[in-house]
Structures are given as C-alpha cells and as structure tokens.
N, C-alpha and C. Protein backbone atom coordinates (compact mmCIF):
# COMPACT_ATOMS: atom_id res chain seq x y z
N GLN A 1 0.69 -1.18 0.00
CA GLN A 1 -0.02 -0.02 -0.08
C GLN A 1 0.84 1.10 0.01
N ARG A 2 1.89 1.12 0.86
CA ARG A 2 2.88 2.22 0.79
C ARG A 2 3.30 2.85 -0.47
N GLU A 3 3.73 1.97 -1.37
CA GLU A 3 4.29 2.33 -2.67
C GLU A 3 3.24 3.12 -3.48
N ARG A 4 1.90 2.85 -3.19
CA ARG A 4 0.77 3.69 -3.98
C ARG A 4 0.53 5.14 -3.56
N MET A 5 0.93 5.28 -2.14
CA MET A 5 0.57 6.72 -1.51
C MET A 5 1.02 7.72 -2.47
N PRO A 6 2.10 7.88 -3.10
CA PRO A 6 2.23 9.02 -3.82
C PRO A 6 1.10 9.48 -5.06
N THR A 7 0.24 8.35 -5.32
CA THR A 7 -0.75 8.76 -6.17
C THR A 7 -1.69 9.72 -5.61
N HIS A 8 -1.72 9.94 -4.15
CA HIS A 8 -2.70 10.55 -3.53
C HIS A 8 -2.08 12.09 -2.91
N LEU A 9 -0.87 12.32 -3.35
CA LEU A 9 -0.38 13.63 -2.88
C LEU A 9 -1.14 14.65 -3.72
N LYS A 10 -1.17 15.74 -3.15
CA LYS A 10 -1.89 17.00 -3.57
C LYS A 10 -1.06 17.50 -4.70
N ARG A 11 0.15 17.35 -4.62
CA ARG A 11 1.16 17.85 -6.02
C ARG A 11 2.05 16.84 -6.17
N SER A 12 2.09 16.34 -7.47
CA SER A 12 3.11 15.29 -7.92
C SER A 12 3.37 15.51 -9.43
N PRO A 13 4.53 16.08 -9.62
CA PRO A 13 4.91 16.20 -11.08
C PRO A 13 4.92 15.03 -11.75
N GLU A 14 5.46 13.74 -11.13
CA GLU A 14 5.49 12.55 -11.69
C GLU A 14 4.15 12.07 -12.15
N ARG A 15 3.17 12.20 -11.04
CA ARG A 15 1.89 11.80 -11.72
C ARG A 15 1.22 12.60 -12.64
N GLU A 16 1.44 13.81 -12.64
CA GLU A 16 0.85 14.78 -13.64
C GLU A 16 1.34 14.48 -14.92
N ALA A 17 2.62 14.03 -14.92
CA ALA A 17 3.16 13.75 -16.45
C ALA A 17 2.69 12.35 -16.83
N ALA A 18 2.64 11.44 -15.92
CA ALA A 18 1.94 10.18 -16.37
C ALA A 18 0.50 10.34 -16.67
N MET A 19 -0.35 11.25 -16.03
CA MET A 19 -1.68 11.52 -16.36
C MET A 19 -1.72 12.23 -17.72
N ALA A 20 -0.77 13.10 -18.05
CA ALA A 20 -1.05 13.69 -19.18
C ALA A 20 -0.88 12.90 -20.38
N ASN A 21 0.20 11.91 -20.26
CA ASN A 21 0.45 10.75 -21.28
C ASN A 21 -0.83 9.84 -21.21
N ALA A 22 -1.40 9.52 -20.26
CA ALA A 22 -2.49 8.52 -20.36
C ALA A 22 -3.76 9.32 -20.98
N LEU A 23 -3.99 10.69 -20.79
CA LEU A 23 -5.07 11.39 -21.28
C LEU A 23 -4.85 11.38 -22.75
N ALA A 24 -3.71 11.77 -23.13
CA ALA A 24 -3.35 11.60 -24.62
C ALA A 24 -3.82 10.41 -25.36
N GLN A 25 -3.53 9.26 -24.76
CA GLN A 25 -3.89 8.04 -25.32
C GLN A 25 -5.33 7.91 -25.24
N ILE A 26 -6.01 8.22 -24.24
CA ILE A 26 -7.60 8.22 -24.05
C ILE A 26 -8.19 9.23 -25.09
N GLY A 27 -7.61 10.35 -25.34
CA GLY A 27 -8.08 11.26 -26.36
C GLY A 27 -8.01 10.57 -27.86
N ARG A 28 -7.06 9.61 -28.06
CA ARG A 28 -6.87 9.01 -29.33
C ARG A 28 -8.16 7.92 -29.37
N ILE A 29 -8.21 7.16 -28.26
CA ILE A 29 -9.50 6.38 -28.19
C ILE A 29 -10.78 7.01 -28.50
N LYS A 30 -10.82 8.12 -27.89
CA LYS A 30 -12.11 8.95 -28.09
C LYS A 30 -12.24 9.28 -29.32
N ALA A 31 -11.28 9.84 -30.10
CA ALA A 31 -11.45 10.31 -31.59
C ALA A 31 -11.60 9.00 -32.37
N LEU A 32 -10.97 7.73 -32.08
CA LEU A 32 -11.66 6.67 -32.87
C LEU A 32 -12.94 6.28 -32.61
N ALA A 33 -13.40 6.35 -31.46
CA ALA A 33 -14.80 6.12 -30.96
C ALA A 33 -15.82 6.88 -31.62
N ASN A 34 -15.40 8.29 -31.64
CA ASN A 34 -16.33 9.38 -32.17
C ASN A 34 -16.57 8.95 -33.63
N ALA A 35 -15.50 8.57 -34.37
CA ALA A 35 -15.43 8.29 -35.92
C ALA A 35 -16.56 7.18 -36.04
N GLU A 36 -16.73 6.28 -35.12
CA GLU A 36 -17.59 5.36 -35.34
C GLU A 36 -18.88 5.47 -34.51
N ASP A 37 -19.21 6.70 -33.90
CA ASP A 37 -20.20 7.07 -33.23
C ASP A 37 -20.64 6.19 -32.22
N ILE A 38 -19.46 5.84 -31.30
CA ILE A 38 -19.31 5.04 -30.24
C ILE A 38 -19.13 5.88 -29.13
N PRO A 39 -19.88 5.85 -28.07
CA PRO A 39 -19.77 6.70 -26.77
C PRO A 39 -18.55 6.22 -26.00
N VAL A 40 -17.83 6.91 -25.42
CA VAL A 40 -16.63 6.53 -24.37
C VAL A 40 -16.99 7.02 -22.99
N VAL A 41 -16.99 6.19 -22.09
CA VAL A 41 -17.15 6.42 -20.65
C VAL A 41 -15.94 5.84 -19.82
N VAL A 42 -15.58 6.44 -18.91
CA VAL A 42 -14.36 5.89 -18.07
C VAL A 42 -14.89 5.80 -16.61
N VAL A 43 -14.40 4.53 -16.36
CA VAL A 43 -14.67 4.13 -14.92
C VAL A 43 -13.56 4.27 -14.05
N LEU A 44 -13.64 5.08 -13.03
CA LEU A 44 -12.61 5.42 -12.08
C LEU A 44 -12.55 4.47 -10.79
N LEU A 45 -11.65 3.84 -10.65
CA LEU A 45 -11.61 2.61 -9.64
C LEU A 45 -10.92 3.06 -8.27
N PRO A 46 -11.38 3.04 -7.09
CA PRO A 46 -10.83 3.41 -5.91
C PRO A 46 -9.55 2.54 -5.40
N ASP A 47 -8.78 3.00 -4.69
CA ASP A 47 -7.78 2.25 -4.13
C ASP A 47 -8.01 2.09 -2.54
N GLU A 48 -7.37 0.98 -2.01
CA GLU A 48 -7.78 0.82 -0.69
C GLU A 48 -7.21 2.00 0.24
N ASN A 49 -6.13 2.44 -0.08
CA ASN A 49 -5.66 3.75 0.58
C ASN A 49 -6.65 4.85 0.73
N GLN A 50 -7.54 5.13 -0.19
CA GLN A 50 -8.44 6.04 -0.34
C GLN A 50 -9.83 5.82 0.70
N ILE A 51 -10.04 4.50 0.85
CA ILE A 51 -11.24 4.09 1.69
C ILE A 51 -10.96 3.76 3.03
N ASN A 52 -9.73 3.25 3.31
CA ASN A 52 -9.52 2.95 4.80
C ASN A 52 -8.62 3.70 5.55
N PRO A 53 -9.21 4.43 6.32
CA PRO A 53 -8.49 5.49 7.20
C PRO A 53 -7.46 4.88 8.36
N ALA A 54 -7.68 3.75 8.54
CA ALA A 54 -6.91 3.13 9.55
C ALA A 54 -5.55 2.79 8.75
N LEU A 55 -5.69 2.57 7.49
CA LEU A 55 -4.34 2.16 6.70
C LEU A 55 -3.75 3.34 6.39
N GLN A 56 -4.44 4.64 6.17
CA GLN A 56 -3.60 5.87 5.92
C GLN A 56 -3.06 6.02 7.42
N ASP A 57 -3.61 5.93 8.47
CA ASP A 57 -2.92 6.25 9.71
C ASP A 57 -1.84 5.30 10.04
N ALA A 58 -1.78 4.05 9.36
CA ALA A 58 -0.71 3.17 9.63
C ALA A 58 0.45 3.31 8.80
N ILE A 59 0.18 3.97 7.51
CA ILE A 59 1.30 4.40 6.70
C ILE A 59 2.18 5.68 6.78
N LEU A 60 1.03 6.64 6.97
CA LEU A 60 1.49 8.03 6.90
C LEU A 60 1.82 8.65 8.43
N ASP A 61 3.15 9.26 8.40
CA ASP A 61 3.36 10.09 9.73
C ASP A 61 2.19 11.24 9.64
N PRO A 62 1.82 11.70 10.85
CA PRO A 62 0.80 12.58 10.97
C PRO A 62 1.42 14.10 10.33
N ALA A 63 2.66 14.12 10.38
CA ALA A 63 3.18 15.54 9.87
C ALA A 63 3.14 15.54 8.40
N GLU A 64 3.06 14.30 7.97
CA GLU A 64 2.75 14.30 6.27
C GLU A 64 1.41 14.42 5.81
N ARG A 65 0.56 14.11 6.58
CA ARG A 65 -0.76 13.95 6.28
C ARG A 65 -1.41 15.23 5.46
N ASP A 66 -1.07 16.32 5.60
CA ASP A 66 -1.56 17.64 5.09
C ASP A 66 -1.01 17.66 3.39
N ASN A 67 -0.08 16.79 3.11
CA ASN A 67 0.46 16.64 1.76
C ASN A 67 -0.47 15.63 0.90
N TYR A 68 -1.34 15.09 1.48
CA TYR A 68 -2.15 14.13 0.80
C TYR A 68 -3.76 14.66 0.62
N ASP A 69 -4.21 14.02 -0.45
CA ASP A 69 -5.63 14.38 -0.70
C ASP A 69 -6.20 12.97 -1.24
N PHE A 70 -7.04 12.36 -0.41
CA PHE A 70 -7.47 10.89 -0.86
C PHE A 70 -8.53 11.08 -1.72
N ASP A 71 -8.98 12.19 -2.33
CA ASP A 71 -9.84 12.25 -3.74
C ASP A 71 -9.03 12.17 -4.81
N MET A 72 -7.67 12.20 -4.72
CA MET A 72 -6.91 12.22 -5.76
C MET A 72 -6.63 10.70 -6.14
N PRO A 73 -6.40 10.35 -7.22
CA PRO A 73 -6.43 11.11 -8.51
C PRO A 73 -7.66 11.16 -9.21
N GLN A 74 -8.78 10.86 -8.60
CA GLN A 74 -10.23 10.78 -9.16
C GLN A 74 -10.66 12.32 -9.44
N SER A 75 -10.37 13.18 -8.52
CA SER A 75 -10.92 14.70 -8.65
C SER A 75 -10.11 15.07 -9.91
N MET A 76 -8.81 14.99 -10.15
CA MET A 76 -8.43 15.47 -11.17
C MET A 76 -8.63 15.04 -12.43
N LEU A 77 -8.86 13.51 -12.41
CA LEU A 77 -9.27 12.89 -13.57
C LEU A 77 -10.69 13.17 -13.94
N ARG A 78 -11.52 13.40 -13.17
CA ARG A 78 -13.00 13.89 -13.42
C ARG A 78 -12.83 15.29 -14.07
N GLU A 79 -12.05 16.19 -13.57
CA GLU A 79 -11.89 17.54 -14.26
C GLU A 79 -11.39 17.09 -15.80
N MET A 80 -10.33 16.46 -15.92
CA MET A 80 -9.67 16.40 -17.22
C MET A 80 -10.39 15.73 -18.24
N PHE A 81 -11.23 14.63 -17.79
CA PHE A 81 -12.10 14.01 -18.70
C PHE A 81 -13.31 14.93 -18.97
N GLY A 82 -13.71 15.66 -18.02
CA GLY A 82 -14.80 16.51 -18.26
C GLY A 82 -14.48 17.59 -19.50
N GLU A 83 -13.15 18.06 -19.24
CA GLU A 83 -12.77 18.97 -20.43
C GLU A 83 -12.73 18.33 -21.74
N MET A 84 -12.58 17.04 -21.69
CA MET A 84 -12.32 16.39 -22.95
C MET A 84 -13.75 15.88 -23.60
N GLY A 85 -14.67 15.99 -22.51
CA GLY A 85 -15.99 15.73 -23.03
C GLY A 85 -16.31 14.08 -22.80
N ILE A 86 -15.67 13.59 -21.87
CA ILE A 86 -15.73 12.16 -21.70
C ILE A 86 -16.20 12.05 -20.36
N PRO A 87 -17.58 11.36 -20.17
CA PRO A 87 -18.31 11.25 -19.02
C PRO A 87 -17.25 10.17 -18.04
N THR A 88 -17.41 10.32 -16.62
CA THR A 88 -16.68 9.31 -15.82
C THR A 88 -17.75 8.85 -14.84
N ILE A 89 -17.49 7.63 -14.51
CA ILE A 89 -18.25 6.84 -13.43
C ILE A 89 -17.06 6.51 -12.41
N ASP A 90 -17.18 7.33 -11.23
CA ASP A 90 -16.34 7.62 -10.00
C ASP A 90 -16.97 6.41 -8.97
N LEU A 91 -16.20 5.18 -8.87
CA LEU A 91 -16.59 4.25 -7.73
C LEU A 91 -16.35 4.58 -6.50
N LEU A 92 -15.43 5.53 -6.26
CA LEU A 92 -14.85 6.15 -4.88
C LEU A 92 -16.00 6.34 -3.81
N PRO A 93 -16.93 7.28 -4.22
CA PRO A 93 -17.93 7.35 -3.16
C PRO A 93 -18.64 6.31 -2.70
N ALA A 94 -18.96 5.33 -3.59
CA ALA A 94 -19.85 4.00 -3.28
C ALA A 94 -18.95 3.22 -2.39
N PHE A 95 -17.72 3.19 -2.70
CA PHE A 95 -16.96 2.34 -1.98
C PHE A 95 -16.58 2.89 -0.60
N ARG A 96 -16.50 4.09 -0.32
CA ARG A 96 -16.29 4.87 0.79
C ARG A 96 -17.44 4.60 1.74
N ASP A 97 -18.68 4.46 1.00
CA ASP A 97 -19.88 4.47 1.84
C ASP A 97 -20.12 3.09 2.30
N ASP A 98 -19.51 1.97 1.75
CA ASP A 98 -19.69 0.55 2.13
C ASP A 98 -18.32 -0.08 2.34
N PRO A 99 -18.10 -0.25 3.61
CA PRO A 99 -16.75 -0.96 4.11
C PRO A 99 -16.56 -2.43 3.58
N ARG A 100 -17.64 -2.87 3.36
CA ARG A 100 -17.76 -4.44 2.95
C ARG A 100 -17.00 -4.57 1.49
N CYS A 101 -16.80 -3.58 0.67
CA CYS A 101 -16.25 -3.67 -0.49
C CYS A 101 -14.99 -4.21 -0.84
N LEU A 102 -14.07 -4.00 0.00
CA LEU A 102 -12.74 -4.43 -0.24
C LEU A 102 -12.37 -5.42 1.00
N TYR A 103 -11.46 -6.40 0.65
CA TYR A 103 -11.00 -7.04 1.87
C TYR A 103 -9.89 -6.20 2.41
N MET A 104 -9.98 -5.91 3.69
CA MET A 104 -9.07 -5.16 4.43
C MET A 104 -7.54 -5.45 4.43
N ASN A 105 -6.70 -4.37 4.16
CA ASN A 105 -5.27 -4.75 3.93
C ASN A 105 -5.08 -5.53 2.65
N ASP A 106 -5.87 -5.54 1.74
CA ASP A 106 -5.75 -6.26 0.46
C ASP A 106 -6.64 -5.30 -0.56
N THR A 107 -5.81 -5.28 -1.84
CA THR A 107 -6.46 -4.31 -2.69
C THR A 107 -7.78 -5.03 -3.61
N HIS A 108 -8.01 -6.17 -3.27
CA HIS A 108 -9.09 -7.05 -4.03
C HIS A 108 -10.31 -6.54 -3.51
N TRP A 109 -11.30 -6.67 -4.49
CA TRP A 109 -12.62 -6.46 -4.04
C TRP A 109 -13.38 -7.67 -3.31
N THR A 110 -14.23 -7.60 -2.55
CA THR A 110 -15.03 -8.64 -2.11
C THR A 110 -16.06 -8.81 -3.08
N PRO A 111 -16.90 -10.11 -2.79
CA PRO A 111 -17.95 -10.14 -3.71
C PRO A 111 -19.08 -9.17 -3.53
N GLU A 112 -19.38 -8.46 -2.33
CA GLU A 112 -20.02 -7.31 -2.21
C GLU A 112 -19.56 -6.14 -3.15
N GLY A 113 -18.16 -5.82 -3.05
CA GLY A 113 -17.51 -4.98 -3.97
C GLY A 113 -17.98 -5.10 -5.35
N HIS A 114 -17.70 -6.21 -5.67
CA HIS A 114 -18.11 -6.58 -7.18
C HIS A 114 -19.54 -6.21 -7.45
N ARG A 115 -20.27 -6.67 -6.69
CA ARG A 115 -21.79 -6.28 -6.78
C ARG A 115 -22.24 -4.76 -6.90
N LEU A 116 -21.48 -4.19 -5.85
CA LEU A 116 -21.80 -2.66 -5.68
C LEU A 116 -21.34 -2.07 -7.11
N ALA A 117 -20.13 -2.46 -7.45
CA ALA A 117 -19.40 -1.72 -8.66
C ALA A 117 -20.32 -2.10 -9.92
N ALA A 118 -20.88 -3.45 -9.96
CA ALA A 118 -21.66 -3.66 -11.30
C ALA A 118 -22.84 -3.03 -11.18
N GLU A 119 -23.67 -2.82 -9.96
CA GLU A 119 -24.84 -2.01 -9.99
C GLU A 119 -24.64 -0.54 -10.33
N HIS A 120 -23.42 -0.14 -9.93
CA HIS A 120 -23.25 1.33 -10.04
C HIS A 120 -22.94 1.62 -11.36
N ILE A 121 -22.21 0.88 -11.96
CA ILE A 121 -21.80 1.18 -13.36
C ILE A 121 -23.06 0.88 -14.23
N ALA A 122 -23.82 -0.16 -14.03
CA ALA A 122 -24.94 -0.45 -14.76
C ALA A 122 -25.89 0.79 -14.72
N ASP A 123 -26.19 1.40 -13.54
CA ASP A 123 -27.06 2.42 -13.38
C ASP A 123 -26.61 3.81 -14.19
N GLU A 124 -25.21 3.97 -14.15
CA GLU A 124 -24.55 5.13 -14.81
C GLU A 124 -24.73 4.73 -16.24
N LEU A 125 -24.50 3.69 -16.65
CA LEU A 125 -24.47 3.37 -18.37
C LEU A 125 -25.82 3.61 -18.84
N ARG A 126 -26.93 3.37 -18.01
CA ARG A 126 -28.37 3.47 -18.68
C ARG A 126 -28.58 4.39 -19.81
N PRO A 127 -28.16 5.69 -19.47
CA PRO A 127 -28.50 6.76 -20.37
C PRO A 127 -27.74 6.45 -21.82
N TYR A 128 -26.68 5.73 -21.63
CA TYR A 128 -25.96 5.44 -23.00
C TYR A 128 -26.43 4.33 -23.98
N LEU A 129 -27.37 3.57 -23.36
CA LEU A 129 -27.69 2.20 -23.94
C LEU A 129 -28.91 2.59 -24.87
N PRO A 130 -29.09 1.93 -26.03
CA PRO A 130 -30.24 2.24 -27.03
C PRO A 130 -31.52 1.69 -26.28
N ARG A 131 -32.61 2.43 -26.54
CA ARG A 131 -33.99 2.07 -25.88
C ARG A 131 -34.84 1.20 -26.83
C-alpha cells in the first residue's frame, strides 16, 4: 500500500506527467470511437488507501498527512475527462460508503464490492444504452 501513496499527493509532478500521457492516449481512443459514433465512458476505480482511514494512519506520519488528498487522482481525472467531453463513473464515493467492498489490507474487491461496482456502473451506463 505504501508504494501507491504518492498517487494521492496533492501535488506530484510525476503523477501529472503520467496522467498527461494517459489522457493523450484516451484522447486517441475517443477520436476513434467518435468516428464510429461510439460513446466513451471512463470508470474510475478506488484504491484501498482512499477508503481505509486506518491504513492511512498506519502508513503516514501525521506530519505528512496535509500533503495528501485522498480524493486524488479521481478529482483531477474527473476534471480532465470533463474538459475532454468524456463522462466518468467514479466508484470512490460508493466504496467509501460501504466498508464491505474491499478485503481489508488487500487491494481486491469482495463479492459485495463486485456487486456494488456492477450495480453502480449499470445505473450510470443506462443513459448511453439504446432504448
């Protein structure tokens, strides 16, 4: 878990460079999809570091805590994808609301987490499906 903590820093030049590269690739995907009239929607997955405060406390020194924003990188990605006209489905709020979604001290989803993600994604995708 510790090695993923930099993803949640408020400022990270390395993350911002990696995101710029990823967004360029997604922009290419969007252009190809648009040419075929196919909608593109991005699903943002949470990390255990974002939803497990006990893990945050175990990993971070209290003096470091102000350097972190556990809404990152989702908040930045939602904004960037919004500017690109790409809708996002962010699972972070749903997973924060239900502690049964992840095995604690393990990045894997529980069966309940899979169910919650599937339901949330299905609900959000309904407007994009043909009627």
